[in-house]
């Protein structure tokens, strides 16, 4: 199989959404105030992190399906398949893999996600999305 023009258009659309969230999170990351203690800012950061993971896994799933790669077994494994296929670097995957537990907590244990965890997650994971986007753009030749 192969990546079609329609696939590329969908990937570009999702990358645009990911880029927008990443820029917002990188700006938030630079703030020195206690933004994470404000419910609106914290919820916005949680949503930006969550949707960024969804964009990344949706993009990876599309590539996996289009190129008939092995079926992944879960969220983290979706990106791991792209590591195995040399689309993404293993170190990048190791660095971002903690976000999958956080994503699950956003969905199933939201009440117990503490403000400092959200701030730390923005700091740790926001810088990892631009390299993902760069690797994907190169791989699918956008």
Protein backbone atom coordinates (compact mmCIF):
# COMPACT_ATOMS: atom_id res chain seq x y z
CA UNK A 1 0.00 0.00 0.00
CA UNK A 2 1.01 3.66 -0.03
CA UNK A 3 0.24 7.07 1.39
CA UNK A 4 -2.19 8.84 -0.93
CA UNK A 5 -2.72 12.55 -1.51
CA UNK A 6 -5.85 12.30 0.66
CA UNK A 7 -3.76 10.73 3.46
CA UNK A 8 -1.23 13.54 3.17
CA UNK A 9 -3.96 16.16 3.33
CA UNK A 10 -5.41 14.56 6.46
CA UNK A 11 -1.97 14.27 8.06
CA UNK A 12 -1.23 17.92 7.26
CA UNK A 13 -4.54 18.98 8.78
CA UNK A 14 -3.80 17.05 11.97
CA UNK A 15 -0.23 18.38 12.08
CA UNK A 16 -1.62 21.91 11.83
CA UNK A 17 -3.78 21.22 14.89
CA UNK A 18 -0.83 19.69 16.71
CA UNK A 19 1.40 22.65 15.81
CA UNK A 20 -1.20 25.09 17.14
CA UNK A 21 -1.45 23.29 20.48
CA UNK A 22 2.30 22.89 20.70
CA UNK A 23 2.91 26.62 20.20
CA UNK A 24 0.37 27.37 22.92
CA UNK A 25 1.92 24.88 25.35
CA UNK A 26 5.46 26.11 24.65
CA UNK A 27 4.35 29.66 25.44
CA UNK A 28 2.60 28.45 28.59
CA UNK A 29 5.75 26.59 29.58
CA UNK A 30 7.65 29.88 29.67
CA UNK A 31 5.29 31.51 32.16
CA UNK A 32 6.67 31.90 35.66
CA UNK A 33 3.37 32.49 37.42
CA UNK A 34 1.39 29.68 39.03
CA UNK A 35 -0.92 29.24 36.02
CA UNK A 36 -1.53 25.61 36.97
CA UNK A 37 -3.40 26.75 40.10
CA UNK A 38 -5.99 28.55 37.95
CA UNK A 39 -8.67 26.06 36.93
CA UNK A 40 -9.19 27.54 33.46
CA UNK A 41 -5.49 27.47 32.56
CA UNK A 42 -5.00 24.01 34.03
CA UNK A 43 -7.98 22.55 32.18
CA UNK A 44 -6.81 24.17 28.96
CA UNK A 45 -3.34 22.68 29.43
CA UNK A 46 -4.80 19.25 30.15
CA UNK A 47 -6.91 19.46 27.00
CA UNK A 48 -3.94 20.62 24.90
CA UNK A 49 -1.86 17.70 26.16
CA UNK A 50 -4.66 15.22 25.63
CA UNK A 51 -5.53 16.36 22.11
CA UNK A 52 -1.85 16.47 21.18
CA UNK A 53 -1.56 12.79 22.07
CA UNK A 54 -4.68 12.10 20.03
CA UNK A 55 -3.26 13.93 17.01
CA UNK A 56 0.01 12.00 17.25
CA UNK A 57 -1.69 8.62 17.57
CA UNK A 58 -4.23 9.41 14.84
CA UNK A 59 -1.42 10.37 12.47
CA UNK A 60 0.55 7.25 13.37
CA UNK A 61 -2.53 5.05 12.96
CA UNK A 62 -3.20 6.47 9.51
CA UNK A 63 0.39 5.75 8.45
CA UNK A 64 0.26 2.25 9.93
CA UNK A 65 -2.96 1.46 8.11
CA UNK A 66 -1.86 3.01 4.81
CA UNK A 67 1.43 1.13 4.78
CA UNK A 68 0.03 -2.08 6.27
CA UNK A 69 2.38 -2.16 9.24
CA UNK A 70 1.77 -4.44 12.21
CA UNK A 71 -1.36 -3.83 14.27
CA UNK A 72 -0.58 -1.95 17.49
CA UNK A 73 -1.81 -3.20 20.84
CA UNK A 74 -2.58 0.12 22.51
CA UNK A 75 -1.90 3.85 22.54
CA UNK A 76 1.81 3.69 23.28
CA UNK A 77 2.24 0.81 20.87
CA UNK A 78 0.80 2.91 18.04
CA UNK A 79 3.87 5.16 18.20
CA UNK A 80 6.16 2.22 18.97
CA UNK A 81 5.25 0.71 15.59
CA UNK A 82 6.62 3.86 13.93
CA UNK A 83 9.81 3.49 15.96
CA UNK A 84 10.15 -0.12 14.79
CA UNK A 85 9.66 1.06 11.20
CA UNK A 86 12.35 3.77 11.61
CA UNK A 87 9.88 6.62 11.19
CA UNK A 88 10.49 7.94 14.73
CA UNK A 89 13.64 7.72 16.87
CA UNK A 90 13.62 5.33 19.82
CA UNK A 91 14.93 8.01 22.20
CA UNK A 92 12.03 10.29 21.30
CA UNK A 93 9.61 7.46 22.08
CA UNK A 94 11.33 6.79 25.41
CA UNK A 95 11.05 10.48 26.30
CA UNK A 96 7.35 10.79 25.46
CA UNK A 97 6.11 7.41 26.65
CA UNK A 98 5.10 8.73 30.10
CA UNK A 99 2.40 10.85 28.51
CA UNK A 100 0.28 7.76 27.84
CA UNK A 101 -0.23 7.09 31.54
CA UNK A 102 -1.14 10.74 32.00
CA UNK A 103 -3.60 10.55 29.08
CA UNK A 104 -5.29 7.58 30.74
CA UNK A 105 -5.51 9.51 34.00
CA UNK A 106 -7.07 12.49 32.20
CA UNK A 107 -9.82 10.13 31.08
CA UNK A 108 -10.26 7.71 34.00
CA UNK A 109 -8.83 9.42 37.09
CA UNK A 110 -9.21 13.11 36.30
CA UNK A 111 -10.04 14.17 39.85
CA UNK A 112 -6.66 12.95 41.07
CA UNK A 113 -4.48 14.78 38.53
CA UNK A 114 -2.76 17.49 40.58
CA UNK A 115 -1.88 20.97 39.30
CA UNK A 116 1.90 20.46 39.63
CA UNK A 117 1.62 17.31 37.49
CA UNK A 118 -0.01 19.30 34.71
CA UNK A 119 2.70 21.96 34.84
CA UNK A 120 5.42 19.30 34.80
CA UNK A 121 3.75 17.51 31.89
CA UNK A 122 3.56 20.70 29.82
CA UNK A 123 7.22 21.33 30.57
CA UNK A 124 8.31 17.78 29.75
CA UNK A 125 6.13 16.88 26.78
CA UNK A 126 5.37 20.08 24.83
CA UNK A 127 8.92 20.24 23.41
CA UNK A 128 8.59 16.67 22.12
CA UNK A 129 5.76 17.34 19.68
CA UNK A 130 7.73 19.51 17.19
CA UNK A 131 10.29 16.73 16.54
CA UNK A 132 7.41 14.29 16.02
CA UNK A 133 5.85 16.63 13.46
CA UNK A 134 9.20 17.12 11.72
CA UNK A 135 9.79 13.36 11.40
CA UNK A 136 6.28 12.81 10.08
CA UNK A 137 6.53 15.64 7.55
CA UNK A 138 9.80 14.23 6.27
CA UNK A 139 8.53 10.68 6.16
CA UNK A 140 5.34 11.44 4.23
CA UNK A 141 7.06 14.18 2.21
CA UNK A 142 4.90 17.14 3.17
